[in-house]
C-alpha atoms as a PDB file:
ATOM      1  CA  MET A   1      66.058  49.217 151.282  1.00  0.00           C
ATOM      2  CA  TYR A   2      69.719  48.536 152.029  1.00  0.00           C
ATOM      3  CA  VAL A   3      69.279  49.679 155.586  1.00  0.00           C
ATOM      4  CA  VAL A   4      67.062  46.645 156.352  1.00  0.00           C
ATOM      5  CA  VAL A   5      69.847  44.333 155.296  1.00  0.00           C
ATOM      6  CA  ILE A   6      72.344  46.121 157.533  1.00  0.00           C
ATOM      7  CA  PHE A   7      69.989  45.979 160.529  1.00  0.00           C
ATOM      8  CA  GLN A   8      69.336  42.343 159.911  1.00  0.00           C
ATOM      9  CA  VAL A   9      73.076  41.556 159.985  1.00  0.00           C
ATOM     10  CA  ILE A  10      73.553  43.460 163.213  1.00  0.00           C
ATOM     11  CA  TYR A  11      70.483  41.846 164.661  1.00  0.00           C
ATOM     12  CA  ASP A  12      71.823  38.440 163.772  1.00  0.00           C
ATOM     13  CA  HIS A  13      74.954  39.321 165.749  1.00  0.00           C
ATOM     14  CA  GLY A  14      72.969  40.312 168.824  1.00  0.00           C
ATOM     15  CA  GLY A  15      72.109  43.932 168.256  1.00  0.00           C
ATOM     16  CA  ARG A  16      68.749  44.853 169.693  1.00  0.00           C
ATOM     17  CA  ASN A  17      68.836  48.613 170.205  1.00  0.00           C
ATOM     18  CA  PHE A  18      69.022  50.988 167.166  1.00  0.00           C
ATOM     19  CA  TRP A  19      68.991  54.775 167.257  1.00  0.00           C
ATOM     20  CA  VAL A  20      68.550  55.969 163.670  1.00  0.00           C
ATOM     21  CA  HIS A  21      68.675  59.569 162.572  1.00  0.00           C
ATOM     22  CA  ASN A  22      67.489  60.588 159.105  1.00  0.00           C
ATOM     23  CA  THR A  23      69.436  62.778 156.775  1.00  0.00           C
ATOM     24  CA  GLY A  24      69.422  66.557 157.192  1.00  0.00           C
ATOM     25  CA  PRO A  25      68.323  69.043 154.572  1.00  0.00           C
ATOM     26  CA  LEU A  26      71.045  68.492 152.064  1.00  0.00           C
ATOM     27  CA  GLY A  27      69.724  71.323 149.921  1.00  0.00           C
ATOM     28  CA  CYS A  28      70.814  73.693 152.615  1.00  0.00           C
ATOM     29  CA  VAL A  29      74.497  72.640 152.964  1.00  0.00           C
ATOM     30  CA  PRO A  30      76.866  75.210 151.562  1.00  0.00           C
ATOM     31  CA  LEU A  31      78.937  72.532 149.824  1.00  0.00           C
ATOM     32  CA  MET A  32      75.889  71.253 148.063  1.00  0.00           C
ATOM     33  CA  LEU A  33      74.666  74.776 147.140  1.00  0.00           C
ATOM     34  CA  THR A  34      78.166  75.347 145.613  1.00  0.00           C
ATOM     35  CA  LEU A  35      78.295  72.072 143.723  1.00  0.00           C
ATOM     36  CA  ILE A  36      74.818  72.092 142.201  1.00  0.00           C
ATOM     37  CA  GLU A  37      74.319  74.833 139.570  1.00  0.00           C
ATOM     38  CA  HIS A  38      71.059  76.602 140.213  1.00  0.00           C
ATOM     39  CA  VAL A  39      69.084  79.674 139.515  1.00  0.00           C
ATOM     40  CA  PRO A  40      67.052  81.606 142.076  1.00  0.00           C
ATOM     41  CA  THR A  41      63.783  79.728 141.289  1.00  0.00           C
ATOM     42  CA  ASP A  42      65.518  76.495 142.259  1.00  0.00           C
ATOM     43  CA  LEU A  43      65.703  77.805 145.884  1.00  0.00           C
ATOM     44  CA  ASP A  44      63.017  77.969 148.452  1.00  0.00           C
ATOM     45  CA  VAL A  45      62.286  80.988 150.693  1.00  0.00           C
ATOM     46  CA  ASN A  46      65.098  79.927 153.033  1.00  0.00           C
ATOM     47  CA  ARG A  47      67.543  79.863 150.078  1.00  0.00           C
ATOM     48  CA  CYS A  48      67.808  76.060 150.166  1.00  0.00           C
ATOM     49  CA  HIS A  49      67.783  73.902 146.963  1.00  0.00           C
ATOM     50  CA  LYS A  50      64.221  72.666 146.596  1.00  0.00           C
ATOM     51  CA  ASN A  51      64.898  69.486 144.635  1.00  0.00           C
ATOM     52  CA  MET A  52      67.842  68.476 146.875  1.00  0.00           C
ATOM     53  CA  ASN A  53      65.672  68.838 149.970  1.00  0.00           C
ATOM     54  CA  GLU A  54      62.827  66.932 148.249  1.00  0.00           C
ATOM     55  CA  ALA A  55      65.248  64.023 147.594  1.00  0.00           C
ATOM     56  CA  SER A  56      66.226  64.214 151.294  1.00  0.00           C
ATOM     57  CA  LYS A  57      62.561  63.954 152.346  1.00  0.00           C
ATOM     58  CA  ILE A  58      61.932  61.005 150.029  1.00  0.00           C
ATOM     59  CA  PHE A  59      64.905  59.190 151.482  1.00  0.00           C
ATOM     60  CA  ASN A  60      63.708  59.984 154.942  1.00  0.00           C
ATOM     61  CA  ASP A  61      60.268  58.713 154.253  1.00  0.00           C
ATOM     62  CA  GLN A  62      61.704  55.424 153.068  1.00  0.00           C
ATOM     63  CA  LEU A  63      64.070  55.245 156.041  1.00  0.00           C
ATOM     64  CA  ARG A  64      61.162  55.821 158.494  1.00  0.00           C
ATOM     65  CA  ALA A  65      59.167  53.097 156.813  1.00  0.00           C
ATOM     66  CA  ALA A  66      62.129  50.743 157.025  1.00  0.00           C
ATOM     67  CA  CYS A  67      62.366  51.483 160.792  1.00  0.00           C
ATOM     68  CA  ASP A  68      58.716  50.772 161.247  1.00  0.00           C
ATOM     69  CA  GLU A  69      59.147  47.537 159.340  1.00  0.00           C
ATOM     70  CA  LEU A  70      62.013  46.475 161.545  1.00  0.00           C
ATOM     71  CA  ARG A  71      60.134  47.168 164.691  1.00  0.00           C
ATOM     72  CA  SER A  72      57.349  44.845 163.519  1.00  0.00           C
ATOM     73  CA  ASP A  73      59.587  42.169 161.979  1.00  0.00           C
ATOM     74  CA  LEU A  74      62.422  41.697 164.564  1.00  0.00           C
ATOM     75  CA  GLU A  75      61.563  40.244 167.966  1.00  0.00           C
ATOM     76  CA  GLY A  76      62.867  42.165 171.032  1.00  0.00           C
ATOM     77  CA  VAL A  77      64.137  45.133 169.062  1.00  0.00           C
ATOM     78  CA  THR A  78      64.064  48.795 169.877  1.00  0.00           C
ATOM     79  CA  VAL A  79      64.298  51.127 166.878  1.00  0.00           C
ATOM     80  CA  VAL A  80      64.152  54.845 167.601  1.00  0.00           C
ATOM     81  CA  TYR A  81      63.790  56.961 164.475  1.00  0.00           C
ATOM     82  CA  VAL A  82      65.114  60.543 164.989  1.00  0.00           C
ATOM     83  CA  ASP A  83      64.050  63.434 162.652  1.00  0.00           C
ATOM     84  CA  ILE A  84      67.330  65.365 162.401  1.00  0.00           C
ATOM     85  CA  HIS A  85      66.047  66.854 159.184  1.00  0.00           C
ATOM     86  CA  SER A  86      63.371  68.950 161.041  1.00  0.00           C
ATOM     87  CA  ILE A  87      65.901  70.077 163.644  1.00  0.00           C
ATOM     88  CA  LYS A  88      68.446  71.209 161.126  1.00  0.00           C
ATOM     89  CA  PHE A  89      65.932  72.847 158.909  1.00  0.00           C
ATOM     90  CA  ASP A  90      64.470  74.828 161.856  1.00  0.00           C
ATOM     91  CA  LEU A  91      67.934  75.950 162.736  1.00  0.00           C
ATOM     92  CA  ILE A  92      68.539  77.131 159.152  1.00  0.00           C
ATOM     93  CA  ALA A  93      65.063  78.734 158.694  1.00  0.00           C
ATOM     94  CA  ASN A  94      65.234  80.457 162.086  1.00  0.00           C
ATOM     95  CA  ALA A  95      68.949  81.098 162.432  1.00  0.00           C
ATOM     96  CA  THR A  96      68.648  84.674 163.608  1.00  0.00           C
ATOM     97  CA  LYS A  97      65.971  83.679 166.237  1.00  0.00           C
ATOM     98  CA  TYR A  98      68.488  81.258 167.699  1.00  0.00           C
ATOM     99  CA  GLY A  99      71.344  83.825 167.717  1.00  0.00           C
ATOM    100  CA  PHE A 100      73.127  82.763 164.472  1.00  0.00           C
ATOM    101  CA  GLU A 101      73.944  84.950 161.525  1.00  0.00           C
ATOM    102  CA  ASP A 102      73.613  83.830 157.907  1.00  0.00           C
ATOM    103  CA  PRO A 103      73.131  80.076 158.076  1.00  0.00           C
ATOM    104  CA  PHE A 104      74.966  79.422 154.767  1.00  0.00           C
ATOM    105  CA  MET A 105      78.209  81.253 155.409  1.00  0.00           C
ATOM    106  CA  ALA A 106      81.031  78.884 156.482  1.00  0.00           C
ATOM    107  CA  CYS A 107      83.085  80.163 159.362  1.00  0.00           C
ATOM    108  CA  CYS A 108      86.223  78.594 158.004  1.00  0.00           C
ATOM    109  CA  GLY A 109      86.726  78.816 154.164  1.00  0.00           C
ATOM    110  CA  SER A 110      87.242  81.252 151.411  1.00  0.00           C
ATOM    111  CA  GLY A 111      85.359  83.123 148.718  1.00  0.00           C
ATOM    112  CA  GLY A 112      83.066  85.243 150.894  1.00  0.00           C
ATOM    113  CA  PRO A 113      79.315  85.469 150.447  1.00  0.00           C
ATOM    114  CA  PRO A 114      77.061  83.742 149.842  1.00  0.00           C
ATOM    115  CA  TYR A 115      78.667  80.495 151.181  1.00  0.00           C
ATOM    116  CA  ASN A 116      82.371  81.271 151.927  1.00  0.00           C
ATOM    117  CA  PHE A 117      83.128  77.909 150.310  1.00  0.00           C
ATOM    118  CA  ARG A 118      85.466  77.534 147.385  1.00  0.00           C
ATOM    119  CA  PHE A 119      87.046  74.402 146.121  1.00  0.00           C
ATOM    120  CA  GLY A 120      90.859  74.596 146.308  1.00  0.00           C
ATOM    121  CA  ALA A 121      90.754  76.889 149.260  1.00  0.00           C
ATOM    122  CA  GLN A 122      88.489  75.011 151.712  1.00  0.00           C
ATOM    123  CA  CYS A 123      89.032  75.224 155.433  1.00  0.00           C
ATOM    124  CA  GLY A 124      92.688  74.567 156.316  1.00  0.00           C
ATOM    125  CA  GLN A 125      94.026  74.990 152.844  1.00  0.00           C
ATOM    126  CA  ASN A 126      96.074  77.924 151.556  1.00  0.00           C
ATOM    127  CA  GLY A 127      93.871  80.917 151.061  1.00  0.00           C
ATOM    128  CA  SER A 128      91.264  79.998 153.675  1.00  0.00           C
ATOM    129  CA  THR A 129      90.519  82.083 156.748  1.00  0.00           C
ATOM    130  CA  VAL A 130      88.696  81.382 160.050  1.00  0.00           C
ATOM    131  CA  CYS A 131      86.006  83.691 161.356  1.00  0.00           C
ATOM    132  CA  THR A 132      86.669  85.315 164.831  1.00  0.00           C
ATOM    133  CA  GLU A 133      83.174  84.649 166.181  1.00  0.00           C
ATOM    134  CA  GLY A 134      82.390  81.074 165.439  1.00  0.00           C
ATOM    135  CA  LEU A 135      79.391  81.047 167.842  1.00  0.00           C
ATOM    136  CA  LYS A 136      77.425  83.116 165.307  1.00  0.00           C
ATOM    137  CA  TYR A 137      77.880  80.514 162.482  1.00  0.00           C
ATOM    138  CA  ASN A 138      75.862  77.383 161.713  1.00  0.00           C
ATOM    139  CA  SER A 139      78.395  76.010 159.256  1.00  0.00           C
ATOM    140  CA  TRP A 140      82.023  75.424 160.226  1.00  0.00           C
ATOM    141  CA  ASP A 141      83.521  74.598 156.877  1.00  0.00           C
ATOM    142  CA  GLY A 142      80.541  74.353 154.472  1.00  0.00           C
ATOM    143  CA  VAL A 143      80.003  70.686 155.323  1.00  0.00           C
ATOM    144  CA  HIS A 144      80.190  70.301 159.111  1.00  0.00           C
ATOM    145  CA  LEU A 145      78.279  72.276 161.740  1.00  0.00           C
ATOM    146  CA  THR A 146      79.925  74.548 164.354  1.00  0.00           C
ATOM    147  CA  GLU A 147      80.083  73.560 167.998  1.00  0.00           C
ATOM    148  CA  ALA A 148      77.340  76.101 168.651  1.00  0.00           C
ATOM    149  CA  ALA A 149      75.017  74.602 166.039  1.00  0.00           C
ATOM    150  CA  ASN A 150      75.781  71.071 167.349  1.00  0.00           C
ATOM    151  CA  HIS A 151      74.907  72.234 170.797  1.00  0.00           C
ATOM    152  CA  PHE A 152      71.517  73.461 169.536  1.00  0.00           C
ATOM    153  CA  ILE A 153      70.833  70.220 167.687  1.00  0.00           C
ATOM    154  CA  SER A 154      71.935  67.999 170.604  1.00  0.00           C
ATOM    155  CA  SER A 155      69.526  69.844 172.969  1.00  0.00           C
ATOM    156  CA  LYS A 156      66.696  69.167 170.550  1.00  0.00           C
ATOM    157  CA  LEU A 157      67.719  65.535 170.142  1.00  0.00           C
ATOM    158  CA  LEU A 158      67.847  64.945 173.896  1.00  0.00           C
ATOM    159  CA  SER A 159      64.334  66.414 174.365  1.00  0.00           C
ATOM    160  CA  THR A 160      62.907  63.345 172.507  1.00  0.00           C
ATOM    161  CA  ASN A 161      60.463  65.589 170.730  1.00  0.00           C
ATOM    162  CA  TYR A 162      61.898  64.463 167.470  1.00  0.00           C
ATOM    163  CA  SER A 163      62.115  60.796 168.275  1.00  0.00           C
ATOM    164  CA  SER A 164      59.708  57.990 167.377  1.00  0.00           C
ATOM    165  CA  PRO A 165      59.075  56.441 169.750  1.00  0.00           C
ATOM    166  CA  PRO A 166      60.138  59.183 172.226  1.00  0.00           C
ATOM    167  CA  LEU A 167      62.630  57.243 174.261  1.00  0.00           C
ATOM    168  CA  PRO A 168      65.389  59.054 176.039  1.00  0.00           C
ATOM    169  CA  LEU A 169      68.888  58.337 174.926  1.00  0.00           C
ATOM    170  CA  ASN A 170      69.793  56.736 178.300  1.00  0.00           C
ATOM    171  CA  HIS A 171      67.292  54.011 177.388  1.00  0.00           C
ATOM    172  CA  PHE A 172      70.154  52.506 175.365  1.00  0.00           C
ATOM    173  CA  CYS A 173      72.453  52.365 178.426  1.00  0.00           C
ATOM    174  CA  ASN A 174      70.450  49.691 180.267  1.00  0.00           C
END
């Protein structure tokens, strides 16, 4: 895997501490749901694209294996693998539980439901609008998360419940 080569280069230049987060559920990103043609049976119960999320999981499995390999192969290295996929998927699957509205509607964009994402009128372009209550949205522009969603995610990250090994972030400050 390409990541092993990158780590080796950084290690060869003195890097010893690595904090690696996997990829999120790409099949739940409004941009991707707009780009990939799909029929209702392509989506899971949370309205995410099943095949796209399966590809994310396959990538994440390989990334985790690469991190495990690096831990055993490189002397004096700390590699923390962080499962951002689970955190983001939880936020999407349980959006209303966490105080968010529809997890697929972009706050800033155009086109309205189901994603409020339309090429040619993306956030900041002519024809786009910005919601008045950004705290209720997961997606800022169909690609990036809102400040409220990032706050949710960062609190989960800092808990170390999604880290392997579960080292606190300040471990890297020493």
